[in-house]
Amino acid sequence: MKIVKLAVLIPAIGLLAACEVGPDKTKDRGTDKKHLSQLQAGIWIDPNGCDHWIIDDGVEGYLSQRLDKFGKPVCSGVGPATVATGNFKGGSPIPDSL
């Protein structure tokens, strides 16, 4: 019985040891490498009319759903569907050709 437990336990420990934490997603990995809170966010409206925070620093882009304090989607209607509003390309010296 001990051999069976060891045969199961050793590979499980090896699998857990192989796990590693990924890179910090709150850091901008571009050329200016600053915290995302220093970039300017805009709002992109999805086809359902709900808001998403959008940041574009010219190299990388970030998008996350805008949620209220209860974790429910915010659907403010600040613009038409599939349109981004605000200066979401601001805060970075890298121009975006698109």
Protein backbone atom coordinates (compact mmCIF):
# COMPACT_ATOMS: atom_id res chain seq x y z
CA MET A 1 0.00 0.00 0.00
CA LYS A 2 2.87 2.36 0.78
CA ILE A 3 4.34 1.81 -2.69
CA VAL A 4 1.02 2.74 -4.31
CA LYS A 5 0.78 5.92 -2.23
CA LEU A 6 4.35 6.87 -3.16
CA ALA A 7 3.68 6.10 -6.82
CA VAL A 8 0.77 8.56 -6.75
CA LEU A 9 2.31 11.15 -4.44
CA ILE A 10 5.68 11.63 -6.17
CA PRO A 11 4.25 12.51 -9.63
CA ALA A 12 1.69 14.82 -7.97
CA ILE A 13 4.46 16.69 -6.17
CA GLY A 14 6.40 16.92 -9.43
CA LEU A 15 3.40 18.41 -11.22
CA LEU A 16 2.87 20.98 -8.49
CA ALA A 17 6.55 21.92 -8.53
CA ALA A 18 6.33 22.56 -12.28
CA CYS A 19 3.60 25.16 -11.76
CA GLU A 20 4.81 28.73 -11.82
CA VAL A 21 3.09 32.05 -11.41
CA GLY A 22 2.78 33.98 -14.69
CA PRO A 23 3.91 37.56 -15.29
CA ASP A 24 2.32 40.45 -13.43
CA LYS A 25 -0.61 41.53 -15.63
CA THR A 26 -0.80 44.96 -13.98
CA LYS A 27 2.53 46.03 -15.52
CA ASP A 28 2.91 47.40 -19.01
CA ARG A 29 5.56 45.27 -20.74
CA GLY A 30 6.11 47.76 -23.59
CA THR A 31 8.99 50.15 -24.01
CA ASP A 32 7.82 52.60 -21.33
CA LYS A 33 7.07 49.82 -18.77
CA LYS A 34 4.83 51.68 -16.37
CA HIS A 35 1.91 50.57 -14.24
CA LEU A 36 -1.39 50.35 -16.14
CA SER A 37 -2.96 52.85 -13.74
CA GLN A 38 -0.73 55.51 -15.33
CA LEU A 39 -2.24 54.94 -18.78
CA GLN A 40 -5.56 56.45 -19.83
CA ALA A 41 -8.55 54.15 -20.22
CA GLY A 42 -11.55 54.56 -22.46
CA ILE A 43 -14.78 52.63 -22.68
CA TRP A 44 -15.63 50.20 -25.46
CA ILE A 45 -19.29 49.23 -25.78
CA ASP A 46 -19.89 45.59 -26.72
CA PRO A 47 -22.72 44.49 -29.05
CA ASN A 48 -24.95 43.93 -26.00
CA GLY A 49 -24.47 47.55 -24.87
CA CYS A 50 -22.24 46.80 -21.87
CA ASP A 51 -19.04 48.70 -21.03
CA HIS A 52 -15.46 47.44 -21.12
CA TRP A 53 -12.34 49.34 -20.03
CA ILE A 54 -9.91 49.64 -22.95
CA ILE A 55 -6.27 50.81 -22.96
CA ASP A 56 -4.00 50.92 -26.01
CA ASP A 57 -0.38 51.94 -25.58
CA GLY A 58 0.55 51.53 -29.24
CA VAL A 59 2.16 48.11 -28.81
CA GLU A 60 -0.11 46.28 -26.41
CA GLY A 61 -3.81 46.56 -25.79
CA TYR A 62 -5.82 45.79 -22.68
CA LEU A 63 -9.54 45.15 -22.30
CA SER A 64 -11.57 44.19 -19.24
CA GLN A 65 -15.25 44.23 -18.50
CA ARG A 66 -16.51 47.15 -16.43
CA LEU A 67 -18.26 45.81 -13.34
CA ASP A 68 -20.21 47.44 -10.52
CA LYS A 69 -19.40 46.80 -6.84
CA PHE A 70 -21.56 43.66 -6.92
CA GLY A 71 -19.69 42.18 -9.89
CA LYS A 72 -22.47 42.80 -12.41
CA PRO A 73 -21.75 44.30 -15.85
CA VAL A 74 -22.18 48.07 -16.27
CA CYS A 75 -24.21 49.01 -19.34
CA SER A 76 -24.14 52.82 -19.27
CA GLY A 77 -25.08 53.60 -22.87
CA VAL A 78 -22.33 56.26 -23.22
CA GLY A 79 -21.93 55.39 -26.89
CA PRO A 80 -23.17 53.17 -29.69
CA ALA A 81 -22.40 49.44 -29.72
CA THR A 82 -18.92 48.33 -30.90
CA VAL A 83 -17.50 51.86 -30.53
CA ALA A 84 -14.70 52.95 -28.18
CA THR A 85 -15.01 56.35 -26.49
CA GLY A 86 -12.45 58.34 -24.54
CA ASN A 87 -8.73 58.91 -24.91
CA PHE A 88 -7.80 55.24 -24.55
CA LYS A 89 -4.61 55.75 -26.59
CA GLY A 90 -3.39 58.51 -24.27
CA GLY A 91 -0.63 58.15 -21.72
CA SER A 92 1.87 56.54 -24.07
CA PRO A 93 4.42 58.17 -26.38
CA ILE A 94 4.10 55.33 -28.91
CA PRO A 95 1.84 56.26 -31.83
CA ASP A 96 -0.75 53.76 -32.99
CA SER A 97 -1.12 53.68 -36.75
CA LEU A 98 -4.55 52.02 -36.63
